[in-house]
PDB file of all heavy atoms in Angstrom:
ATOM      1  N   SER A   1      -0.555 -14.912   1.514  1.00  0.00           N
ATOM      2  CA  SER A   1      -0.156 -14.668   2.903  1.00  0.00           C
ATOM      3  C   SER A   1       1.331 -14.417   3.032  1.00  0.00           C
ATOM      4  O   SER A   1       1.765 -13.578   3.827  1.00  0.00           O
ATOM      5  CB  SER A   1      -0.558 -15.843   3.793  1.00  0.00           C
ATOM      6  OG  SER A   1      -1.950 -15.898   3.941  1.00  0.00           O
ATOM      7  N   ASP A   2       2.139 -15.146   2.254  1.00  0.00           N
ATOM      8  CA  ASP A   2       3.592 -14.928   2.283  1.00  0.00           C
ATOM      9  C   ASP A   2       3.927 -13.500   1.887  1.00  0.00           C
ATOM     10  O   ASP A   2       4.744 -12.837   2.525  1.00  0.00           O
ATOM     11  CB  ASP A   2       4.312 -15.887   1.333  1.00  0.00           C
ATOM     12  CG  ASP A   2       4.229 -17.338   1.769  1.00  0.00           C
ATOM     13  OD1 ASP A   2       4.084 -17.609   2.973  1.00  0.00           O
ATOM     14  OD2 ASP A   2       4.309 -18.220   0.874  1.00  0.00           O
ATOM     15  N   PHE A   3       3.295 -13.025   0.810  1.00  0.00           N
ATOM     16  CA  PHE A   3       3.558 -11.663   0.355  1.00  0.00           C
ATOM     17  C   PHE A   3       3.012 -10.630   1.334  1.00  0.00           C
ATOM     18  O   PHE A   3       3.664  -9.616   1.597  1.00  0.00           O
ATOM     19  CB  PHE A   3       3.003 -11.439  -1.053  1.00  0.00           C
ATOM     20  CG  PHE A   3       3.810 -12.141  -2.097  1.00  0.00           C
ATOM     21  CD1 PHE A   3       3.364 -13.324  -2.650  1.00  0.00           C
ATOM     22  CD2 PHE A   3       5.032 -11.628  -2.509  1.00  0.00           C
ATOM     23  CE1 PHE A   3       4.115 -13.993  -3.598  1.00  0.00           C
ATOM     24  CE2 PHE A   3       5.799 -12.294  -3.451  1.00  0.00           C
ATOM     25  CZ  PHE A   3       5.344 -13.478  -4.003  1.00  0.00           C
ATOM     26  N   GLN A   4       1.849 -10.896   1.899  1.00  0.00           N
ATOM     27  CA  GLN A   4       1.293  -9.950   2.866  1.00  0.00           C
ATOM     28  C   GLN A   4       2.190  -9.846   4.085  1.00  0.00           C
ATOM     29  O   GLN A   4       2.453  -8.752   4.579  1.00  0.00           O
ATOM     30  CB  GLN A   4      -0.131 -10.364   3.263  1.00  0.00           C
ATOM     31  CG  GLN A   4      -0.797  -9.324   4.146  1.00  0.00           C
ATOM     32  CD  GLN A   4      -2.271  -9.583   4.363  1.00  0.00           C
ATOM     33  OE1 GLN A   4      -2.867 -10.496   3.785  1.00  0.00           O
ATOM     34  NE2 GLN A   4      -2.882  -8.753   5.199  1.00  0.00           N
ATOM     35  N   ARG A   5       2.682 -10.967   4.558  1.00  0.00           N
ATOM     36  CA  ARG A   5       3.589 -10.977   5.708  1.00  0.00           C
ATOM     37  C   ARG A   5       4.885 -10.225   5.392  1.00  0.00           C
ATOM     38  O   ARG A   5       5.364  -9.422   6.182  1.00  0.00           O
ATOM     39  CB  ARG A   5       3.872 -12.429   6.099  1.00  0.00           C
ATOM     40  CG  ARG A   5       4.459 -12.645   7.434  1.00  0.00           C
ATOM     41  CD  ARG A   5       4.506 -14.116   7.870  1.00  0.00           C
ATOM     42  NE  ARG A   5       4.461 -15.132   6.826  1.00  0.00           N
ATOM     43  CZ  ARG A   5       3.377 -15.803   6.436  1.00  0.00           C
ATOM     44  NH1 ARG A   5       2.208 -15.569   6.996  1.00  0.00           N
ATOM     45  NH2 ARG A   5       3.434 -16.722   5.492  1.00  0.00           N
ATOM     46  N   ARG A   6       5.442 -10.468   4.201  1.00  0.00           N
ATOM     47  CA  ARG A   6       6.685  -9.787   3.819  1.00  0.00           C
ATOM     48  C   ARG A   6       6.477  -8.281   3.721  1.00  0.00           C
ATOM     49  O   ARG A   6       7.303  -7.502   4.192  1.00  0.00           O
ATOM     50  CB  ARG A   6       7.190 -10.352   2.490  1.00  0.00           C
ATOM     51  CG  ARG A   6       8.465  -9.693   1.952  1.00  0.00           C
ATOM     52  CD  ARG A   6       9.640  -9.733   2.938  1.00  0.00           C
ATOM     53  NE  ARG A   6      10.030 -11.069   3.273  1.00  0.00           N
ATOM     54  CZ  ARG A   6      11.093 -11.688   2.780  1.00  0.00           C
ATOM     55  NH1 ARG A   6      11.885 -11.076   1.948  1.00  0.00           N
ATOM     56  NH2 ARG A   6      11.357 -12.924   3.130  1.00  0.00           N
ATOM     57  N   LEU A   7       5.381  -7.861   3.113  1.00  0.00           N
ATOM     58  CA  LEU A   7       5.110  -6.430   3.017  1.00  0.00           C
ATOM     59  C   LEU A   7       4.925  -5.810   4.394  1.00  0.00           C
ATOM     60  O   LEU A   7       5.325  -4.669   4.624  1.00  0.00           O
ATOM     61  CB  LEU A   7       3.893  -6.173   2.132  1.00  0.00           C
ATOM     62  CG  LEU A   7       4.138  -6.417   0.645  1.00  0.00           C
ATOM     63  CD1 LEU A   7       2.832  -6.395  -0.118  1.00  0.00           C
ATOM     64  CD2 LEU A   7       5.108  -5.399   0.078  1.00  0.00           C
ATOM     65  N   SER A   8       4.345  -6.569   5.313  1.00  0.00           N
ATOM     66  CA  SER A   8       4.212  -6.085   6.680  1.00  0.00           C
ATOM     67  C   SER A   8       5.582  -5.870   7.309  1.00  0.00           C
ATOM     68  O   SER A   8       5.822  -4.849   7.959  1.00  0.00           O
ATOM     69  CB  SER A   8       3.390  -7.075   7.510  1.00  0.00           C
ATOM     70  OG  SER A   8       3.273  -6.630   8.838  1.00  0.00           O
ATOM     71  N   GLU A   9       6.479  -6.822   7.111  1.00  0.00           N
ATOM     72  CA  GLU A   9       7.840  -6.700   7.652  1.00  0.00           C
ATOM     73  C   GLU A   9       8.551  -5.477   7.089  1.00  0.00           C
ATOM     74  O   GLU A   9       9.257  -4.770   7.815  1.00  0.00           O
ATOM     75  CB  GLU A   9       8.664  -7.947   7.314  1.00  0.00           C
ATOM     76  CG  GLU A   9       8.203  -9.202   7.977  1.00  0.00           C
ATOM     77  CD  GLU A   9       8.848 -10.463   7.391  1.00  0.00           C
ATOM     78  OE1 GLU A   9       9.711 -10.365   6.509  1.00  0.00           O
ATOM     79  OE2 GLU A   9       8.449 -11.553   7.835  1.00  0.00           O
ATOM     80  N   ILE A  10       8.369  -5.232   5.809  1.00  0.00           N
ATOM     81  CA  ILE A  10       9.086  -4.152   5.135  1.00  0.00           C
ATOM     82  C   ILE A  10       8.454  -2.789   5.397  1.00  0.00           C
ATOM     83  O   ILE A  10       9.149  -1.810   5.659  1.00  0.00           O
ATOM     84  CB  ILE A  10       9.151  -4.406   3.617  1.00  0.00           C
ATOM     85  CG1 ILE A  10       9.926  -5.694   3.320  1.00  0.00           C
ATOM     86  CG2 ILE A  10       9.784  -3.226   2.882  1.00  0.00           C
ATOM     87  CD1 ILE A  10       9.826  -6.154   1.865  1.00  0.00           C
ATOM     88  N   TYR A  11       7.101  -2.710   5.315  1.00  0.00           N
ATOM     89  CA  TYR A  11       6.440  -1.402   5.238  1.00  0.00           C
ATOM     90  C   TYR A  11       5.442  -1.066   6.343  1.00  0.00           C
ATOM     91  O   TYR A  11       4.950   0.059   6.376  1.00  0.00           O
ATOM     92  CB  TYR A  11       5.685  -1.289   3.905  1.00  0.00           C
ATOM     93  CG  TYR A  11       6.559  -1.370   2.689  1.00  0.00           C
ATOM     94  CD1 TYR A  11       6.450  -2.431   1.808  1.00  0.00           C
ATOM     95  CD2 TYR A  11       7.484  -0.379   2.405  1.00  0.00           C
ATOM     96  CE1 TYR A  11       7.242  -2.511   0.671  1.00  0.00           C
ATOM     97  CE2 TYR A  11       8.291  -0.440   1.280  1.00  0.00           C
ATOM     98  CZ  TYR A  11       8.161  -1.520   0.416  1.00  0.00           C
ATOM     99  OH  TYR A  11       8.949  -1.588  -0.695  1.00  0.00           O
ATOM    100  N   LEU A  12       5.105  -1.996   7.229  1.00  0.00           N
ATOM    101  CA  LEU A  12       4.009  -1.730   8.158  1.00  0.00           C
ATOM    102  C   LEU A  12       4.226  -0.469   8.999  1.00  0.00           C
ATOM    103  O   LEU A  12       3.294   0.310   9.200  1.00  0.00           O
ATOM    104  CB  LEU A  12       3.740  -2.929   9.072  1.00  0.00           C
ATOM    105  CG  LEU A  12       2.542  -2.765  10.012  1.00  0.00           C
ATOM    106  CD1 LEU A  12       1.256  -2.529   9.223  1.00  0.00           C
ATOM    107  CD2 LEU A  12       2.403  -3.965  10.922  1.00  0.00           C
ATOM    108  N   GLU A  13       5.441  -0.260   9.444  1.00  0.00           N
ATOM    109  CA  GLU A  13       5.691   0.938  10.265  1.00  0.00           C
ATOM    110  C   GLU A  13       5.394   2.211   9.478  1.00  0.00           C
ATOM    111  O   GLU A  13       4.673   3.094   9.956  1.00  0.00           O
ATOM    112  CB  GLU A  13       7.137   0.941  10.770  1.00  0.00           C
ATOM    113  CG  GLU A  13       7.420   2.070  11.731  1.00  0.00           C
ATOM    114  CD  GLU A  13       8.816   2.010  12.320  1.00  0.00           C
ATOM    115  OE1 GLU A  13       9.370   0.906  12.483  1.00  0.00           O
ATOM    116  OE2 GLU A  13       9.351   3.097  12.619  1.00  0.00           O
ATOM    117  N   LYS A  14       5.913   2.315   8.261  1.00  0.00           N
ATOM    118  CA  LYS A  14       5.653   3.491   7.424  1.00  0.00           C
ATOM    119  C   LYS A  14       4.177   3.607   7.070  1.00  0.00           C
ATOM    120  O   LYS A  14       3.603   4.699   7.108  1.00  0.00           O
ATOM    121  CB  LYS A  14       6.466   3.428   6.125  1.00  0.00           C
ATOM    122  CG  LYS A  14       7.912   3.751   6.269  1.00  0.00           C
ATOM    123  CD  LYS A  14       8.567   3.720   4.891  1.00  0.00           C
ATOM    124  CE  LYS A  14      10.015   4.112   4.980  1.00  0.00           C
ATOM    125  NZ  LYS A  14      10.660   4.158   3.658  1.00  0.00           N
ATOM    126  N   ASP A  15       3.583   2.468   6.694  1.00  0.00           N
ATOM    127  CA  ASP A  15       2.166   2.489   6.325  1.00  0.00           C
ATOM    128  C   ASP A  15       1.303   2.913   7.499  1.00  0.00           C
ATOM    129  O   ASP A  15       0.359   3.689   7.344  1.00  0.00           O
ATOM    130  CB  ASP A  15       1.724   1.120   5.815  1.00  0.00           C
ATOM    131  CG  ASP A  15       2.348   0.748   4.474  1.00  0.00           C
ATOM    132  OD1 ASP A  15       2.796   1.650   3.747  1.00  0.00           O
ATOM    133  OD2 ASP A  15       2.384  -0.464   4.165  1.00  0.00           O
ATOM    134  N   SER A  16       1.617   2.429   8.693  1.00  0.00           N
ATOM    135  CA  SER A  16       0.849   2.789   9.888  1.00  0.00           C
ATOM    136  C   SER A  16       0.978   4.272  10.197  1.00  0.00           C
ATOM    137  O   SER A  16       0.000   4.915  10.586  1.00  0.00           O
ATOM    138  CB  SER A  16       1.304   1.958  11.084  1.00  0.00           C
ATOM    139  OG  SER A  16       1.013   0.596  10.874  1.00  0.00           O
ATOM    140  N   GLU A  17       2.175   4.817  10.018  1.00  0.00           N
ATOM    141  CA  GLU A  17       2.371   6.253  10.240  1.00  0.00           C
ATOM    142  C   GLU A  17       1.572   7.077   9.237  1.00  0.00           C
ATOM    143  O   GLU A  17       1.020   8.115   9.580  1.00  0.00           O
ATOM    144  CB  GLU A  17       3.858   6.609  10.140  1.00  0.00           C
ATOM    145  CG  GLU A  17       4.675   6.119  11.310  1.00  0.00           C
ATOM    146  CD  GLU A  17       6.165   6.348  11.143  1.00  0.00           C
ATOM    147  OE1 GLU A  17       6.575   7.076  10.212  1.00  0.00           O
ATOM    148  OE2 GLU A  17       6.929   5.791  11.954  1.00  0.00           O
ATOM    149  N   ARG A  18       1.510   6.603   8.000  1.00  0.00           N
ATOM    150  CA  ARG A  18       0.749   7.287   6.951  1.00  0.00           C
ATOM    151  C   ARG A  18      -0.746   7.174   7.243  1.00  0.00           C
ATOM    152  O   ARG A  18      -1.529   8.051   6.912  1.00  0.00           O
ATOM    153  CB  ARG A  18       1.069   6.655   5.596  1.00  0.00           C
ATOM    154  CG  ARG A  18       0.418   7.319   4.421  1.00  0.00           C
ATOM    155  CD  ARG A  18       0.704   6.624   3.088  1.00  0.00           C
ATOM    156  NE  ARG A  18       2.103   6.346   2.885  1.00  0.00           N
ATOM    157  CZ  ARG A  18       2.673   5.136   2.989  1.00  0.00           C
ATOM    158  NH1 ARG A  18       1.937   4.091   3.282  1.00  0.00           N
ATOM    159  NH2 ARG A  18       3.951   4.966   2.779  1.00  0.00           N
ATOM    160  N   GLY A  19      -1.143   6.058   7.847  1.00  0.00           N
ATOM    161  CA  GLY A  19      -2.535   5.832   8.200  1.00  0.00           C
ATOM    162  C   GLY A  19      -3.311   5.117   7.103  1.00  0.00           C
ATOM    163  O   GLY A  19      -2.858   5.006   5.959  1.00  0.00           O
ATOM    164  N   LEU A  20      -4.475   4.656   7.483  1.00  0.00           N
ATOM    165  CA  LEU A  20      -5.318   3.899   6.562  1.00  0.00           C
ATOM    166  C   LEU A  20      -5.733   4.747   5.358  1.00  0.00           C
ATOM    167  O   LEU A  20      -5.628   4.306   4.217  1.00  0.00           O
ATOM    168  CB  LEU A  20      -6.550   3.365   7.298  1.00  0.00           C
ATOM    169  CG  LEU A  20      -7.445   2.408   6.531  1.00  0.00           C
ATOM    170  CD1 LEU A  20      -6.678   1.189   6.046  1.00  0.00           C
ATOM    171  CD2 LEU A  20      -8.610   1.981   7.396  1.00  0.00           C
ATOM    172  N   ASP A  21      -6.188   5.966   5.600  1.00  0.00           N
ATOM    173  CA  ASP A  21      -6.632   6.825   4.494  1.00  0.00           C
ATOM    174  C   ASP A  21      -5.503   7.132   3.523  1.00  0.00           C
ATOM    175  O   ASP A  21      -5.673   7.032   2.310  1.00  0.00           O
ATOM    176  CB  ASP A  21      -7.233   8.131   5.017  1.00  0.00           C
ATOM    177  CG  ASP A  21      -8.579   7.935   5.698  1.00  0.00           C
ATOM    178  OD1 ASP A  21      -9.200   6.879   5.495  1.00  0.00           O
ATOM    179  OD2 ASP A  21      -8.990   8.847   6.436  1.00  0.00           O
ATOM    180  N   GLY A  22      -4.348   7.503   4.039  1.00  0.00           N
ATOM    181  CA  GLY A  22      -3.215   7.832   3.177  1.00  0.00           C
ATOM    182  C   GLY A  22      -2.729   6.632   2.382  1.00  0.00           C
ATOM    183  O   GLY A  22      -2.418   6.739   1.193  1.00  0.00           O
ATOM    184  N   THR A  23      -2.673   5.486   3.034  1.00  0.00           N
ATOM    185  CA  THR A  23      -2.228   4.271   2.354  1.00  0.00           C
ATOM    186  C   THR A  23      -3.257   3.855   1.312  1.00  0.00           C
ATOM    187  O   THR A  23      -2.900   3.439   0.196  1.00  0.00           O
ATOM    188  CB  THR A  23      -1.962   3.152   3.375  1.00  0.00           C
ATOM    189  OG1 THR A  23      -0.990   3.639   4.319  1.00  0.00           O
ATOM    190  CG2 THR A  23      -1.423   1.902   2.714  1.00  0.00           C
ATOM    191  N   PHE A  24      -4.532   3.994   1.625  1.00  0.00           N
ATOM    192  CA  PHE A  24      -5.582   3.682   0.656  1.00  0.00           C
ATOM    193  C   PHE A  24      -5.474   4.587  -0.569  1.00  0.00           C
ATOM    194  O   PHE A  24      -5.689   4.136  -1.697  1.00  0.00           O
ATOM    195  CB  PHE A  24      -6.964   3.808   1.303  1.00  0.00           C
ATOM    196  CG  PHE A  24      -8.070   3.433   0.367  1.00  0.00           C
ATOM    197  CD1 PHE A  24      -8.364   2.096   0.122  1.00  0.00           C
ATOM    198  CD2 PHE A  24      -8.806   4.409  -0.282  1.00  0.00           C
ATOM    199  CE1 PHE A  24      -9.377   1.749  -0.761  1.00  0.00           C
ATOM    200  CE2 PHE A  24      -9.818   4.067  -1.155  1.00  0.00           C
ATOM    201  CZ  PHE A  24     -10.105   2.732  -1.400  1.00  0.00           C
ATOM    202  N   MET A  25      -5.119   5.844  -0.369  1.00  0.00           N
ATOM    203  CA  MET A  25      -4.982   6.760  -1.502  1.00  0.00           C
ATOM    204  C   MET A  25      -3.846   6.324  -2.422  1.00  0.00           C
ATOM    205  O   MET A  25      -3.937   6.488  -3.644  1.00  0.00           O
ATOM    206  CB  MET A  25      -4.776   8.198  -1.021  1.00  0.00           C
ATOM    207  CG  MET A  25      -6.022   8.789  -0.365  1.00  0.00           C
ATOM    208  SD  MET A  25      -7.544   8.614  -1.349  1.00  0.00           S
ATOM    209  CE  MET A  25      -7.150   9.584  -2.770  1.00  0.00           C
ATOM    210  N   TYR A  26      -2.784   5.750  -1.871  1.00  0.00           N
ATOM    211  CA  TYR A  26      -1.721   5.200  -2.719  1.00  0.00           C
ATOM    212  C   TYR A  26      -2.272   4.039  -3.548  1.00  0.00           C
ATOM    213  O   TYR A  26      -1.930   3.891  -4.730  1.00  0.00           O
ATOM    214  CB  TYR A  26      -0.521   4.739  -1.892  1.00  0.00           C
ATOM    215  CG  TYR A  26       0.461   5.844  -1.619  1.00  0.00           C
ATOM    216  CD1 TYR A  26       0.438   6.546  -0.417  1.00  0.00           C
ATOM    217  CD2 TYR A  26       1.420   6.182  -2.556  1.00  0.00           C
ATOM    218  CE1 TYR A  26       1.345   7.561  -0.163  1.00  0.00           C
ATOM    219  CE2 TYR A  26       2.332   7.202  -2.315  1.00  0.00           C
ATOM    220  CZ  TYR A  26       2.282   7.881  -1.117  1.00  0.00           C
ATOM    221  OH  TYR A  26       3.184   8.902  -0.871  1.00  0.00           O
ATOM    222  N   LEU A  27      -3.104   3.196  -2.943  1.00  0.00           N
ATOM    223  CA  LEU A  27      -3.731   2.096  -3.683  1.00  0.00           C
ATOM    224  C   LEU A  27      -4.555   2.642  -4.839  1.00  0.00           C
ATOM    225  O   LEU A  27      -4.448   2.163  -5.977  1.00  0.00           O
ATOM    226  CB  LEU A  27      -4.606   1.249  -2.755  1.00  0.00           C
ATOM    227  CG  LEU A  27      -5.524   0.228  -3.431  1.00  0.00           C
ATOM    228  CD1 LEU A  27      -4.731  -0.803  -4.216  1.00  0.00           C
ATOM    229  CD2 LEU A  27      -6.420  -0.444  -2.387  1.00  0.00           C
ATOM    230  N   VAL A  28      -5.360   3.639  -4.578  1.00  0.00           N
ATOM    231  CA  VAL A  28      -6.206   4.236  -5.619  1.00  0.00           C
ATOM    232  C   VAL A  28      -5.342   4.791  -6.748  1.00  0.00           C
ATOM    233  O   VAL A  28      -5.639   4.595  -7.935  1.00  0.00           O
ATOM    234  CB  VAL A  28      -7.118   5.330  -5.015  1.00  0.00           C
ATOM    235  CG1 VAL A  28      -7.830   6.112  -6.104  1.00  0.00           C
ATOM    236  CG2 VAL A  28      -8.117   4.703  -4.052  1.00  0.00           C
ATOM    237  N   SER A  29      -4.251   5.444  -6.392  1.00  0.00           N
ATOM    238  CA  SER A  29      -3.332   5.981  -7.389  1.00  0.00           C
ATOM    239  C   SER A  29      -2.752   4.876  -8.258  1.00  0.00           C
ATOM    240  O   SER A  29      -2.659   5.010  -9.490  1.00  0.00           O
ATOM    241  CB  SER A  29      -2.210   6.751  -6.684  1.00  0.00           C
ATOM    242  OG  SER A  29      -1.222   7.159  -7.601  1.00  0.00           O
ATOM    243  N   GLU A  30      -2.382   3.770  -7.637  1.00  0.00           N
ATOM    244  CA  GLU A  30      -1.819   2.646  -8.390  1.00  0.00           C
ATOM    245  C   GLU A  30      -2.866   1.993  -9.293  1.00  0.00           C
ATOM    246  O   GLU A  30      -2.529   1.545 -10.396  1.00  0.00           O
ATOM    247  CB  GLU A  30      -1.205   1.608  -7.446  1.00  0.00           C
ATOM    248  CG  GLU A  30       0.056   2.090  -6.761  1.00  0.00           C
ATOM    249  CD  GLU A  30       1.193   2.430  -7.710  1.00  0.00           C
ATOM    250  OE1 GLU A  30       1.225   1.902  -8.842  1.00  0.00           O
ATOM    251  OE2 GLU A  30       2.057   3.227  -7.327  1.00  0.00           O
ATOM    252  N   VAL A  31      -4.119   1.947  -8.854  1.00  0.00           N
ATOM    253  CA  VAL A  31      -5.183   1.427  -9.720  1.00  0.00           C
ATOM    254  C   VAL A  31      -5.306   2.312 -10.957  1.00  0.00           C
ATOM    255  O   VAL A  31      -5.470   1.821 -12.075  1.00  0.00           O
ATOM    256  CB  VAL A  31      -6.525   1.308  -8.965  1.00  0.00           C
ATOM    257  CG1 VAL A  31      -7.675   1.006  -9.917  1.00  0.00           C
ATOM    258  CG2 VAL A  31      -6.435   0.226  -7.892  1.00  0.00           C
ATOM    259  N   GLY A  32      -5.184   3.616 -10.768  1.00  0.00           N
ATOM    260  CA  GLY A  32      -5.205   4.540 -11.901  1.00  0.00           C
ATOM    261  C   GLY A  32      -4.047   4.288 -12.859  1.00  0.00           C
ATOM    262  O   GLY A  32      -4.221   4.314 -14.084  1.00  0.00           O
ATOM    263  N   GLU A  33      -2.860   4.035 -12.315  1.00  0.00           N
ATOM    264  CA  GLU A  33      -1.707   3.734 -13.161  1.00  0.00           C
ATOM    265  C   GLU A  33      -1.901   2.428 -13.915  1.00  0.00           C
ATOM    266  O   GLU A  33      -1.522   2.309 -15.091  1.00  0.00           O
ATOM    267  CB  GLU A  33      -0.428   3.695 -12.334  1.00  0.00           C
ATOM    268  CG  GLU A  33      -0.001   5.059 -11.848  1.00  0.00           C
ATOM    269  CD  GLU A  33       1.273   5.025 -11.027  1.00  0.00           C
ATOM    270  OE1 GLU A  33       2.057   4.057 -11.162  1.00  0.00           O
ATOM    271  OE2 GLU A  33       1.495   5.980 -10.258  1.00  0.00           O
ATOM    272  N   LEU A  34      -2.519   1.439 -13.271  1.00  0.00           N
ATOM    273  CA  LEU A  34      -2.808   0.174 -13.942  1.00  0.00           C
ATOM    274  C   LEU A  34      -3.815   0.401 -15.070  1.00  0.00           C
ATOM    275  O   LEU A  34      -3.645  -0.133 -16.182  1.00  0.00           O
ATOM    276  CB  LEU A  34      -3.338  -0.865 -12.953  1.00  0.00           C
ATOM    277  CG  LEU A  34      -3.797  -2.189 -13.550  1.00  0.00           C
ATOM    278  CD1 LEU A  34      -2.672  -2.881 -14.318  1.00  0.00           C
ATOM    279  CD2 LEU A  34      -4.348  -3.091 -12.453  1.00  0.00           C
ATOM    280  N   ALA A  35      -4.829   1.194 -14.814  1.00  0.00           N
ATOM    281  CA  ALA A  35      -5.828   1.487 -15.852  1.00  0.00           C
ATOM    282  C   ALA A  35      -5.166   2.141 -17.057  1.00  0.00           C
ATOM    283  O   ALA A  35      -5.441   1.777 -18.211  1.00  0.00           O
ATOM    284  CB  ALA A  35      -6.929   2.394 -15.284  1.00  0.00           C
ATOM    285  N   GLU A  36      -4.283   3.066 -16.803  1.00  0.00           N
ATOM    286  CA  GLU A  36      -3.557   3.735 -17.886  1.00  0.00           C
ATOM    287  C   GLU A  36      -2.692   2.730 -18.654  1.00  0.00           C
ATOM    288  O   GLU A  36      -2.660   2.735 -19.887  1.00  0.00           O
ATOM    289  CB  GLU A  36      -2.684   4.850 -17.315  1.00  0.00           C
ATOM    290  CG  GLU A  36      -1.956   5.655 -18.351  1.00  0.00           C
ATOM    291  CD  GLU A  36      -1.153   6.777 -17.738  1.00  0.00           C
ATOM    292  OE1 GLU A  36      -1.652   7.424 -16.787  1.00  0.00           O
ATOM    293  OE2 GLU A  36      -0.023   7.004 -18.201  1.00  0.00           O
ATOM    294  N   ALA A  37      -2.008   1.869 -17.941  1.00  0.00           N
ATOM    295  CA  ALA A  37      -1.149   0.867 -18.587  1.00  0.00           C
ATOM    296  C   ALA A  37      -1.980  -0.094 -19.446  1.00  0.00           C
ATOM    297  O   ALA A  37      -1.545  -0.490 -20.530  1.00  0.00           O
ATOM    298  CB  ALA A  37      -0.365   0.091 -17.531  1.00  0.00           C
TER     299      ALA A  37
END
């Protein structure tokens, strides 16, 4: 919860502008990078 709250403070405005679909696509991309790593 601490990290979720902090990320909200830092990024919620940008993430909201990008929207749920766009932000989810960044998550998918990062999962791919983790798989590669």
